[in-house]
Amino acid sequence: MRRQFLGAPHKPPYNSCSSTPFACDFQFWGFCMTVEKNKYFDPLITYVSGGCTVVFVLLAILFPNFMAEKINSANAWTTNSLGWLYLLVVFGLTLGCLVLMIGPWGKCKLGGPDSKPDYANFTWFGLLFGSAIAAGIAFWGPAEPIYHYQAVPPYFPAEPMTDAAATAAMTQSFFHWGISAWAIYVALAIPLAHAAYTRNLPLRFSTAFYYLIGDRIHGRTGKIIDIFAIVATMGGLATTTGLTALQVVAGLKYHYHLDLGDNAGYVIIAAFTAVFSFAVYTGLEKGVKIMDHMNIILFLGVWLFIFLFGAKLYFIELGMQAGGEYLASFVPLSLFTMPGLEKDWLGGWTIFYWAWWASWAPFVSIFVARVSKGRSVRALVLGCMLLPSLANFLWYAVVGGAGIHYNIGPVLKEHGVEAAIFGLIQHYPAVELMAVVALVLISMLFLTSANSAAMSLAMFSTGKEHPHKYVRLFWALALGAVAMVLCGTGNLKSIQTASILSAVPLLVLLVMAMASTFIGVKDNSVEPSK
């Protein structure tokens, strides 16, 4: 017998290819939204989310000072008043994912009982890891540990630029790139994959909430959820685009003495946008897959080069000691709210990171769900939460450890954190070659993620697995436009603000997704929705 949830009346999934030219899709506050069978997009989702994007860009261009003031005020209020909520939600998601892995629910399969994984284990892990790291790990890998080494995080009592400060810096970096961050993706991917593959539902963000709201994911409620996903993804990708542009500009200026002037951010983002817009428009999936494989090769190559030609023993000892401190301090760090103090440090680091990861979650979770069919819940938690965290730790222990060992602090002070990786490679052989490799790695990591994000935004706004090329192109250009508005300021704090604000609605949705997960995996023998 088919189960109904929360008394939601059954309604067939949204289908824009119905046999009639027009169909009343749903009532939206009294207005009947009609969808023509040949339409390329869902009117409500596209008009509202696209309209918000266009309005934001226009206001930022026409009234830059006013918008900057309002955004900074909203960011300050969010950080000081809701910072504790970011910390609590992410800590709860992490515990929930661990419970799913070690409990009886871990055996639950994401698909029918006879379904098999589509990818071998190594390929599957490479897809998971490559879909989520993007250029952020190349940006912060060498920069964050040395930053904390010079200005020790408030949780740790160590004196700056001491051995204790090095351990504290690496521990804090492990925390920001460890299991808490990846748990955000897993918390959405599990209910989405479970509902999609056991009830034949579309791979849309709103599908993750099926076990809470039932068939209402096909109506107004589901569309509102998808709108939130689009807005959050725009903020997250705009942040990554801005950081990547700043890093490329810094590399060109620091290593090649090439100054692109005040419009450098616009130039780099325009070039990036042109490349991934073309890829999204033409649907060059084979080329994107090749780039993804090259990303993994370059990533491992850079890591191995820095390790072999660097202070190997120091990297190993620092990584091991920081790993032990991370395990011992995980709960206190997760709940460290700095009561009675200004939250500037939390807002610039931990809260920013949690918001940034959360804003990526809608489109990353869809990708994770798509490539994880046939896997168990336990395998997904292991492959998308624990193993990627270990990979991040290895990267930070070596690349971040090298930054501390060679003290690239003066580079950060003079050229900014975006120049960290280029300051680091000055201490290694084959500097000219490594500078090129670094620029290529940064660019390719970003381009593959941007391509996936634009495709996901198009899927959110159409409900189709293969959206029309014009819809894909629109969202690719929209991503570039929002990033230009933010990065044009050249202000790292303004760029970080985009993630913090766009992720606020996702906090509630993340909690709902975890609840949906536990409801869905209780019954492994559900009958697919007809």
Protein backbone atom coordinates (compact mmCIF):
# COMPACT_ATOMS: atom_id res chain seq x y z
CA MET A 1 0.00 0.00 0.00
CA ARG A 2 1.38 3.36 -0.97
CA ARG A 3 2.25 5.61 1.96
CA GLN A 4 1.00 9.18 2.15
CA PHE A 5 2.93 11.79 4.13
CA LEU A 6 1.39 14.48 6.32
CA GLY A 7 -1.94 13.97 4.62
CA ALA A 8 -0.67 15.52 1.40
CA PRO A 9 -3.06 14.66 -1.43
CA HIS A 10 -1.41 12.66 -4.16
CA LYS A 11 -0.69 14.57 -7.32
CA PRO A 12 1.28 13.42 -10.36
CA PRO A 13 4.75 14.92 -10.70
CA TYR A 14 5.04 18.12 -12.69
CA ASN A 15 5.30 17.33 -16.38
CA SER A 16 5.65 20.10 -18.92
CA CYS A 17 5.17 17.61 -21.77
CA SER A 18 1.57 16.73 -21.05
CA SER A 19 -0.82 15.78 -23.83
CA THR A 20 -2.62 19.11 -23.63
CA PRO A 21 -1.09 22.40 -24.80
CA PHE A 22 -1.82 24.12 -21.50
CA ALA A 23 -2.37 22.79 -18.01
CA CYS A 24 -2.96 24.52 -14.71
CA ASP A 25 0.16 23.46 -12.84
CA PHE A 26 -0.84 24.82 -9.44
CA GLN A 27 -2.51 27.69 -7.62
CA PHE A 28 -0.08 30.34 -6.36
CA TRP A 29 -1.82 32.72 -3.95
CA GLY A 30 -4.91 32.68 -6.12
CA PHE A 31 -3.15 32.83 -9.47
CA CYS A 32 -3.21 29.81 -11.75
CA MET A 33 0.23 29.27 -13.24
CA THR A 34 -0.12 27.77 -16.69
CA VAL A 35 2.74 26.06 -18.42
CA GLU A 36 2.83 25.49 -22.16
CA LYS A 37 4.03 22.03 -23.10
CA ASN A 38 6.95 23.39 -25.14
CA LYS A 39 8.13 25.92 -22.57
CA TYR A 40 11.80 25.72 -21.70
CA PHE A 41 11.39 26.60 -18.04
CA ASP A 42 9.11 26.72 -15.04
CA PRO A 43 7.66 30.28 -15.04
CA LEU A 44 7.42 30.80 -11.28
CA ILE A 45 10.86 29.46 -10.38
CA THR A 46 12.62 31.18 -13.28
CA TYR A 47 10.87 34.54 -13.07
CA VAL A 48 11.22 34.91 -9.30
CA SER A 49 14.82 33.69 -8.97
CA GLY A 50 15.95 35.30 -12.22
CA GLY A 51 14.15 38.52 -11.30
CA CYS A 52 15.85 38.64 -7.90
CA THR A 53 19.22 38.17 -9.60
CA VAL A 54 18.61 40.92 -12.15
CA VAL A 55 17.33 43.35 -9.51
CA PHE A 56 20.33 42.68 -7.27
CA VAL A 57 22.79 43.30 -10.12
CA LEU A 58 21.04 46.49 -11.24
CA LEU A 59 20.85 47.91 -7.72
CA ALA A 60 24.51 47.12 -7.13
CA ILE A 61 25.46 48.89 -10.37
CA LEU A 62 23.21 51.92 -9.93
CA PHE A 63 23.60 52.38 -6.16
CA PRO A 64 26.91 50.72 -5.21
CA ASN A 65 27.50 52.62 -1.96
CA PHE A 66 23.94 52.13 -0.73
CA MET A 67 24.00 48.42 -1.54
CA ALA A 68 27.40 47.95 0.09
CA GLU A 69 26.16 49.63 3.26
CA LYS A 70 22.99 47.52 3.44
CA ILE A 71 24.80 44.27 2.67
CA ASN A 72 27.43 44.94 5.33
CA SER A 73 24.74 45.83 7.87
CA ALA A 74 22.82 42.65 7.11
CA ASN A 75 26.01 40.64 7.34
CA ALA A 76 26.93 42.14 10.73
CA TRP A 77 23.46 41.41 12.11
CA THR A 78 23.48 37.86 10.76
CA THR A 79 26.92 37.11 12.19
CA ASN A 80 26.19 38.54 15.64
CA SER A 81 22.60 37.35 16.02
CA LEU A 82 22.52 34.07 14.08
CA GLY A 83 26.11 32.89 14.27
CA TRP A 84 25.22 30.38 16.98
CA LEU A 85 22.58 28.89 14.68
CA TYR A 86 25.10 28.22 11.91
CA LEU A 87 27.35 26.42 14.40
CA LEU A 88 24.55 24.41 16.00
CA VAL A 89 22.97 23.31 12.71
CA VAL A 90 26.25 22.13 11.20
CA PHE A 91 27.20 20.30 14.41
CA GLY A 92 23.79 18.58 14.41
CA LEU A 93 24.13 17.58 10.77
CA THR A 94 27.56 16.08 11.45
CA LEU A 95 26.25 14.00 14.34
CA GLY A 96 23.24 12.94 12.28
CA CYS A 97 25.41 11.71 9.41
CA LEU A 98 27.65 9.75 11.78
CA VAL A 99 24.57 8.15 13.38
CA LEU A 100 23.29 7.17 9.94
CA MET A 101 26.63 5.57 9.10
CA ILE A 102 27.07 3.48 12.27
CA GLY A 103 23.39 2.73 12.91
CA PRO A 104 21.14 0.15 11.24
CA TRP A 105 20.08 2.76 8.65
CA GLY A 106 23.55 2.58 7.12
CA LYS A 107 22.55 -0.59 5.25
CA CYS A 108 19.75 1.25 3.44
CA LYS A 109 20.41 1.27 -0.29
CA LEU A 110 19.93 4.34 -2.45
CA GLY A 111 17.86 2.56 -5.04
CA GLY A 112 16.10 -0.76 -5.42
CA PRO A 113 17.41 -3.82 -3.61
CA ASP A 114 18.97 -5.11 -6.83
CA SER A 115 20.47 -1.80 -7.99
CA LYS A 116 24.21 -1.69 -8.58
CA PRO A 117 26.61 1.27 -8.49
CA ASP A 118 27.27 2.90 -11.85
CA TYR A 119 30.91 3.68 -11.07
CA ALA A 120 33.89 1.81 -9.64
CA ASN A 121 34.91 2.89 -6.15
CA PHE A 122 37.97 4.93 -7.17
CA THR A 123 36.15 6.70 -10.00
CA TRP A 124 33.19 7.38 -7.73
CA PHE A 125 35.39 8.93 -5.05
CA GLY A 126 37.16 11.05 -7.64
CA LEU A 127 33.82 12.38 -8.88
CA LEU A 128 32.66 13.18 -5.35
CA PHE A 129 35.86 14.93 -4.36
CA GLY A 130 36.25 16.80 -7.62
CA SER A 131 32.68 18.09 -7.58
CA ALA A 132 33.04 19.93 -4.30
CA ILE A 133 36.56 21.18 -3.67
CA ALA A 134 36.69 23.71 -6.56
CA ALA A 135 39.33 26.45 -6.41
CA GLY A 136 38.68 27.17 -2.74
CA ILE A 137 41.17 24.60 -1.51
CA ALA A 138 43.86 26.04 -3.80
CA PHE A 139 43.05 29.51 -2.45
CA TRP A 140 42.93 28.73 1.27
CA GLY A 141 45.25 25.70 1.42
CA PRO A 142 48.48 27.70 1.67
CA ALA A 143 46.84 30.86 3.07
CA GLU A 144 44.70 29.86 6.05
CA PRO A 145 47.31 28.03 8.17
CA ILE A 146 49.90 30.82 7.88
CA TYR A 147 47.19 33.39 8.65
CA HIS A 148 46.24 31.57 11.85
CA TYR A 149 49.94 31.05 12.63
CA GLN A 150 50.41 34.82 12.74
CA ALA A 151 47.08 35.62 14.42
CA VAL A 152 46.13 32.59 16.52
CA PRO A 153 42.38 31.77 16.55
CA PRO A 154 40.69 32.87 19.81
CA TYR A 155 39.93 29.30 20.91
CA PHE A 156 43.63 28.49 21.31
CA PRO A 157 45.86 30.08 24.01
CA ALA A 158 49.09 29.82 21.97
CA GLU A 159 51.41 32.74 21.28
CA PRO A 160 51.67 33.78 17.60
CA MET A 161 54.44 32.29 15.44
CA THR A 162 55.40 29.52 17.87
CA ASP A 163 55.30 25.75 17.56
CA ALA A 164 52.05 25.76 19.53
CA ALA A 165 50.67 28.37 17.13
CA ALA A 166 51.54 26.12 14.17
CA THR A 167 49.56 23.23 15.70
CA ALA A 168 46.65 25.55 16.51
CA ALA A 169 46.66 26.97 12.97
CA MET A 170 46.62 23.54 11.36
CA THR A 171 43.96 22.25 13.76
CA GLN A 172 41.66 25.19 12.98
CA SER A 173 42.20 24.62 9.25
CA PHE A 174 41.39 20.91 9.64
CA PHE A 175 38.20 21.88 11.44
CA HIS A 176 37.07 24.23 8.67
CA TRP A 177 37.74 21.64 5.94
CA GLY A 178 36.86 18.48 7.86
CA ILE A 179 33.81 16.30 8.39
CA SER A 180 31.52 19.16 9.45
CA ALA A 181 31.79 20.79 6.05
CA TRP A 182 31.21 17.59 4.08
CA ALA A 183 28.29 16.62 6.33
CA ILE A 184 26.34 19.52 4.81
CA TYR A 185 26.50 17.87 1.39
CA VAL A 186 25.70 14.40 2.72
CA ALA A 187 22.70 15.65 4.72
CA LEU A 188 21.05 16.77 1.47
CA ALA A 189 22.33 14.07 -0.86
CA ILE A 190 20.95 11.10 1.12
CA PRO A 191 17.25 12.09 1.24
CA LEU A 192 17.44 13.38 -2.33
CA ALA A 193 18.95 10.16 -3.70
CA HIS A 194 16.72 7.94 -1.57
CA ALA A 195 13.50 9.64 -2.67
CA ALA A 196 14.60 9.92 -6.31
CA TYR A 197 15.64 6.28 -6.70
CA THR A 198 13.01 4.55 -4.56
CA ARG A 199 10.01 6.67 -5.63
CA ASN A 200 10.99 7.64 -9.18
CA LEU A 201 11.07 11.34 -8.37
CA PRO A 202 13.07 13.93 -10.34
CA LEU A 203 16.57 14.93 -9.21
CA ARG A 204 15.51 18.34 -7.96
CA PHE A 205 16.51 20.06 -4.75
CA SER A 206 12.93 19.94 -3.45
CA THR A 207 12.89 16.13 -3.82
CA ALA A 208 15.08 15.94 -0.68
CA PHE A 209 12.04 17.02 1.35
CA TYR A 210 9.57 14.49 -0.02
CA TYR A 211 9.42 12.48 3.20
CA LEU A 212 8.37 15.61 5.09
CA ILE A 213 5.95 17.35 2.75
CA GLY A 214 4.95 14.51 0.43
CA ASP A 215 3.57 15.34 -2.99
CA ARG A 216 3.62 19.04 -2.24
CA ILE A 217 7.13 19.06 -3.68
CA HIS A 218 5.35 19.13 -7.07
CA GLY A 219 3.43 22.30 -6.20
CA ARG A 220 3.90 25.72 -4.69
CA THR A 221 5.92 24.58 -1.68
CA GLY A 222 8.40 22.64 -3.78
CA LYS A 223 8.88 25.53 -6.15
CA ILE A 224 9.58 27.95 -3.30
CA ILE A 225 12.20 25.52 -1.99
CA ASP A 226 13.82 25.37 -5.43
CA ILE A 227 13.87 29.17 -5.58
CA PHE A 228 15.80 29.27 -2.30
CA ALA A 229 18.23 26.74 -3.75
CA ILE A 230 18.88 28.93 -6.79
CA VAL A 231 19.45 32.07 -4.72
CA ALA A 232 21.81 30.26 -2.35
CA THR A 233 23.76 28.68 -5.20
CA MET A 234 24.16 32.07 -6.85
CA GLY A 235 25.68 33.45 -3.65
CA GLY A 236 28.00 30.50 -3.16
CA LEU A 237 29.28 30.40 -6.72
CA ALA A 238 29.65 34.17 -6.84
CA THR A 239 31.89 33.85 -3.78
CA THR A 240 34.02 31.17 -5.42
CA THR A 241 34.20 33.15 -8.67
CA GLY A 242 35.30 36.24 -6.79
CA LEU A 243 37.96 34.40 -4.80
CA THR A 244 39.27 32.69 -7.94
CA ALA A 245 39.46 35.98 -9.83
CA LEU A 246 41.35 37.64 -6.97
CA GLN A 247 43.80 34.73 -6.88
CA VAL A 248 44.46 34.80 -10.63
CA VAL A 249 44.93 38.58 -10.55
CA ALA A 250 47.34 38.21 -7.62
CA GLY A 251 49.29 35.48 -9.42
CA LEU A 252 49.68 37.54 -12.57
CA LYS A 253 50.73 40.59 -10.58
CA TYR A 254 53.00 38.85 -8.06
CA HIS A 255 54.79 36.42 -10.35
CA TYR A 256 54.60 38.04 -13.77
CA HIS A 257 54.37 41.70 -12.66
CA LEU A 258 51.33 42.03 -14.90
CA ASP A 259 48.99 44.68 -13.51
CA LEU A 260 45.55 44.68 -15.12
CA GLY A 261 44.53 47.85 -13.28
CA ASP A 262 41.39 48.60 -11.31
CA ASN A 263 39.25 46.54 -13.66
CA ALA A 264 41.29 43.37 -13.17
CA GLY A 265 38.46 41.55 -11.38
CA TYR A 266 36.03 42.33 -14.18
CA VAL A 267 38.47 41.17 -16.85
CA ILE A 268 39.20 37.80 -15.22
CA ILE A 269 35.55 37.06 -14.39
CA ALA A 270 34.49 38.03 -17.90
CA ALA A 271 37.04 35.59 -19.32
CA PHE A 272 35.94 32.80 -16.96
CA THR A 273 32.27 33.48 -17.67
CA ALA A 274 32.84 33.34 -21.41
CA VAL A 275 34.54 29.94 -21.13
CA PHE A 276 32.05 28.17 -18.87
CA SER A 277 29.06 29.83 -20.59
CA PHE A 278 30.26 28.40 -23.89
CA ALA A 279 30.73 24.97 -22.31
CA VAL A 280 27.28 25.05 -20.72
CA TYR A 281 25.59 26.34 -23.89
CA THR A 282 27.15 23.76 -26.19
CA GLY A 283 26.88 20.91 -23.69
CA LEU A 284 30.50 19.84 -23.93
CA GLU A 285 30.09 17.07 -21.36
CA LYS A 286 33.02 15.02 -22.67
CA GLY A 287 35.34 18.03 -22.36
CA VAL A 288 34.16 18.70 -18.81
CA LYS A 289 34.84 15.07 -17.84
CA ILE A 290 38.36 15.33 -19.25
CA MET A 291 38.92 18.51 -17.26
CA ASP A 292 37.69 16.78 -14.12
CA HIS A 293 40.22 13.99 -14.56
CA MET A 294 42.96 16.52 -15.23
CA ASN A 295 41.99 18.36 -12.05
CA ILE A 296 42.64 15.25 -9.96
CA ILE A 297 45.98 14.62 -11.69
CA LEU A 298 47.13 18.23 -11.25
CA PHE A 299 45.89 18.30 -7.65
CA LEU A 300 47.84 15.16 -6.75
CA GLY A 301 50.85 16.35 -8.75
CA VAL A 302 51.08 19.69 -6.94
CA TRP A 303 50.64 18.01 -3.56
CA LEU A 304 53.32 15.41 -4.29
CA PHE A 305 55.74 18.04 -5.65
CA ILE A 306 55.43 20.23 -2.55
CA PHE A 307 55.81 17.21 -0.28
CA LEU A 308 58.83 15.63 -1.99
CA PHE A 309 60.78 18.86 -2.44
CA GLY A 310 59.78 20.31 0.92
CA ALA A 311 60.25 19.64 4.65
CA LYS A 312 58.74 16.14 4.58
CA LEU A 313 59.32 15.28 8.24
CA TYR A 314 57.86 18.61 9.38
CA PHE A 315 54.73 18.09 7.29
CA ILE A 316 54.20 14.59 8.72
CA GLU A 317 54.74 15.61 12.35
CA LEU A 318 52.62 18.76 12.10
CA GLY A 319 49.82 16.90 10.34
CA MET A 320 49.76 14.10 12.90
CA GLN A 321 49.80 16.43 15.90
CA ALA A 322 47.10 18.67 14.44
CA GLY A 323 45.02 15.60 13.59
CA GLY A 324 45.11 14.46 17.21
CA GLU A 325 44.23 17.95 18.42
CA TYR A 326 41.36 18.07 15.93
CA LEU A 327 39.86 14.86 17.32
CA ALA A 328 40.26 16.08 20.91
CA SER A 329 38.84 19.56 20.25
CA PHE A 330 36.13 18.73 17.71
CA VAL A 331 33.11 19.25 19.98
CA PRO A 332 34.41 22.42 21.70
CA LEU A 333 35.37 23.94 18.34
CA SER A 334 31.97 23.04 16.89
CA LEU A 335 30.18 24.93 19.66
CA PHE A 336 32.65 27.81 20.13
CA THR A 337 30.45 30.92 19.99
CA MET A 338 32.69 33.56 21.66
CA PRO A 339 29.98 34.67 24.13
CA GLY A 340 30.12 38.32 25.12
CA LEU A 341 32.69 39.15 22.45
CA GLU A 342 32.50 40.65 18.99
CA LYS A 343 31.90 38.00 16.36
CA ASP A 344 34.18 39.47 13.68
CA TRP A 345 36.56 36.51 13.79
CA LEU A 346 33.75 33.94 13.67
CA GLY A 347 32.03 35.81 10.86
CA GLY A 348 35.19 35.98 8.81
CA TRP A 349 36.14 32.35 9.32
CA THR A 350 33.92 29.58 10.75
CA ILE A 351 30.53 31.13 9.96
CA PHE A 352 31.75 32.14 6.51
CA TYR A 353 32.94 28.62 5.84
CA TRP A 354 29.72 26.95 7.02
CA ALA A 355 27.66 29.38 4.94
CA TRP A 356 29.89 28.90 1.92
CA TRP A 357 29.61 25.11 2.07
CA ALA A 358 25.85 25.38 2.66
CA SER A 359 25.37 27.62 -0.37
CA TRP A 360 27.13 25.01 -2.51
CA ALA A 361 25.04 22.18 -1.09
CA PRO A 362 22.00 22.42 -3.43
CA PHE A 363 23.89 21.76 -6.65
CA VAL A 364 26.61 19.52 -5.15
CA SER A 365 24.00 17.30 -3.47
CA ILE A 366 22.26 16.72 -6.81
CA PHE A 367 25.55 15.69 -8.40
CA VAL A 368 26.39 13.42 -5.45
CA ALA A 369 22.95 11.83 -5.61
CA ARG A 370 23.22 11.29 -9.36
CA VAL A 371 26.52 9.37 -9.17
CA SER A 372 25.65 7.44 -5.97
CA LYS A 373 22.75 5.32 -7.16
CA GLY A 374 23.10 1.76 -5.86
CA ARG A 375 25.33 2.77 -2.94
CA SER A 376 24.35 2.29 0.68
CA VAL A 377 23.88 5.17 3.09
CA ARG A 378 26.98 3.98 4.96
CA ALA A 379 29.05 4.00 1.77
CA LEU A 380 27.87 7.51 0.89
CA VAL A 381 28.79 8.90 4.33
CA LEU A 382 32.17 7.20 4.12
CA GLY A 383 32.88 8.26 0.54
CA CYS A 384 31.51 11.80 0.70
CA MET A 385 32.30 12.80 4.28
CA LEU A 386 35.15 10.86 5.88
CA LEU A 387 37.47 10.12 2.94
CA PRO A 388 37.28 13.63 1.40
CA SER A 389 38.04 15.09 4.83
CA LEU A 390 41.15 12.92 5.01
CA ALA A 391 42.19 14.14 1.54
CA ASN A 392 41.74 17.75 2.70
CA PHE A 393 43.84 17.07 5.80
CA LEU A 394 46.66 15.69 3.65
CA TRP A 395 46.53 18.74 1.37
CA TYR A 396 46.53 21.19 4.26
CA ALA A 397 49.26 19.35 6.21
CA VAL A 398 51.60 19.60 3.21
CA VAL A 399 50.62 22.80 1.37
CA GLY A 400 49.59 24.71 4.51
CA GLY A 401 52.49 23.24 6.45
CA ALA A 402 54.89 24.47 3.74
CA GLY A 403 53.43 27.96 4.07
CA ILE A 404 54.19 27.92 7.81
CA HIS A 405 57.61 26.31 7.39
CA TYR A 406 58.78 28.85 4.81
CA ASN A 407 56.90 31.69 6.54
CA ILE A 408 55.07 33.23 3.61
CA GLY A 409 53.45 35.71 6.01
CA PRO A 410 55.20 38.74 4.47
CA VAL A 411 53.68 37.81 1.10
CA LEU A 412 50.19 37.85 2.60
CA LYS A 413 50.85 41.17 4.29
CA GLU A 414 52.06 42.85 1.12
CA HIS A 415 49.97 41.15 -1.56
CA GLY A 416 46.98 39.67 0.33
CA VAL A 417 45.93 36.09 1.07
CA GLU A 418 45.12 35.54 -2.59
CA ALA A 419 48.86 35.56 -3.41
CA ALA A 420 49.72 32.81 -0.89
CA ILE A 421 50.23 29.91 -3.30
CA PHE A 422 52.43 32.03 -5.57
CA GLY A 423 54.53 33.15 -2.63
CA LEU A 424 54.89 29.52 -1.58
CA ILE A 425 56.21 28.18 -4.88
CA GLN A 426 59.04 30.73 -4.80
CA HIS A 427 60.70 28.40 -2.29
CA TYR A 428 60.62 25.44 -4.70
CA PRO A 429 62.49 24.48 -7.87
CA ALA A 430 60.97 24.98 -11.33
CA VAL A 431 59.25 28.17 -10.22
CA GLU A 432 58.18 29.23 -13.71
CA LEU A 433 56.61 25.85 -14.45
CA MET A 434 54.87 25.67 -11.06
CA ALA A 435 53.42 29.16 -11.51
CA VAL A 436 51.80 28.04 -14.76
CA VAL A 437 50.59 24.79 -13.17
CA ALA A 438 49.09 26.74 -10.25
CA LEU A 439 47.20 29.09 -12.56
CA VAL A 440 45.94 26.19 -14.67
CA LEU A 441 44.86 24.21 -11.58
CA ILE A 442 43.01 27.17 -10.07
CA SER A 443 41.25 27.96 -13.35
CA MET A 444 40.27 24.39 -14.17
CA LEU A 445 39.01 23.63 -10.65
CA PHE A 446 36.76 26.66 -10.88
CA LEU A 447 35.57 26.11 -14.46
CA THR A 448 34.41 22.54 -13.86
CA SER A 449 32.47 23.60 -10.76
CA ALA A 450 30.96 26.63 -12.48
CA ASN A 451 29.81 24.45 -15.38
CA SER A 452 28.11 22.04 -12.95
CA ALA A 453 26.53 24.91 -11.02
CA ALA A 454 25.07 26.57 -14.11
CA MET A 455 23.67 23.24 -15.25
CA SER A 456 22.14 22.63 -11.81
CA LEU A 457 20.54 26.09 -11.76
CA ALA A 458 18.99 25.32 -15.15
CA MET A 459 17.70 22.00 -13.80
CA PHE A 460 16.20 23.74 -10.75
CA SER A 461 14.36 26.26 -12.94
CA THR A 462 13.06 23.74 -15.49
CA GLY A 463 12.59 20.49 -13.61
CA LYS A 464 14.30 18.72 -16.49
CA GLU A 465 17.46 16.66 -16.41
CA HIS A 466 18.53 18.14 -19.74
CA PRO A 467 17.49 21.83 -19.77
CA HIS A 468 17.37 23.84 -22.96
CA LYS A 469 20.63 25.49 -24.00
CA TYR A 470 19.22 29.02 -23.68
CA VAL A 471 18.22 28.39 -20.07
CA ARG A 472 21.68 27.02 -19.34
CA LEU A 473 23.25 30.06 -20.96
CA PHE A 474 21.09 32.48 -18.96
CA TRP A 475 22.16 31.02 -15.61
CA ALA A 476 25.81 30.90 -16.64
CA LEU A 477 25.73 34.59 -17.54
CA ALA A 478 23.81 35.39 -14.35
CA LEU A 479 26.52 33.72 -12.26
CA GLY A 480 29.15 35.83 -13.95
CA ALA A 481 27.15 39.03 -13.50
CA VAL A 482 26.66 38.55 -9.76
CA ALA A 483 30.33 37.67 -9.33
CA MET A 484 31.36 40.80 -11.22
CA VAL A 485 29.29 42.97 -8.92
CA LEU A 486 30.99 41.48 -5.87
CA CYS A 487 34.53 41.10 -7.16
CA GLY A 488 34.55 44.49 -8.82
CA THR A 489 35.03 45.95 -5.34
CA GLY A 490 38.23 43.92 -4.91
CA ASN A 491 37.10 43.46 -1.31
CA LEU A 492 37.44 39.97 0.13
CA LYS A 493 34.97 40.71 2.92
CA SER A 494 32.27 41.80 0.45
CA ILE A 495 32.74 38.57 -1.48
CA GLN A 496 32.48 36.45 1.68
CA THR A 497 29.29 38.29 2.65
CA ALA A 498 27.47 36.84 -0.36
CA SER A 499 27.76 33.31 1.04
CA ILE A 500 26.81 34.24 4.60
CA LEU A 501 23.61 36.02 3.59
CA SER A 502 22.51 33.62 0.85
CA ALA A 503 22.84 30.61 3.17
CA VAL A 504 20.47 31.90 5.89
CA PRO A 505 17.31 30.26 4.44
CA LEU A 506 19.23 27.03 3.92
CA LEU A 507 19.79 26.59 7.66
CA VAL A 508 16.14 25.68 8.15
CA LEU A 509 16.09 23.57 5.00
CA LEU A 510 19.17 21.62 6.12
CA VAL A 511 17.48 20.69 9.39
CA MET A 512 14.38 19.62 7.44
CA ALA A 513 16.55 17.54 5.10
CA MET A 514 18.10 15.64 7.99
CA ALA A 515 14.65 14.95 9.44
CA SER A 516 13.51 13.81 6.00
CA THR A 517 16.46 11.42 5.85
CA PHE A 518 15.58 9.59 9.05
CA ILE A 519 11.94 9.34 8.01
CA GLY A 520 12.84 7.99 4.57
CA VAL A 521 15.40 5.37 5.55
CA LYS A 522 13.15 3.78 8.18
CA ASP A 523 11.41 1.84 5.43
CA ASN A 524 13.69 0.26 2.84
CA SER A 525 10.89 -1.48 1.00
CA VAL A 526 8.84 1.52 -0.07
CA GLU A 527 6.91 1.15 -3.28
CA PRO A 528 7.94 3.59 -6.01
CA SER A 529 5.60 6.46 -6.76
CA LYS A 530 3.57 5.90 -9.88
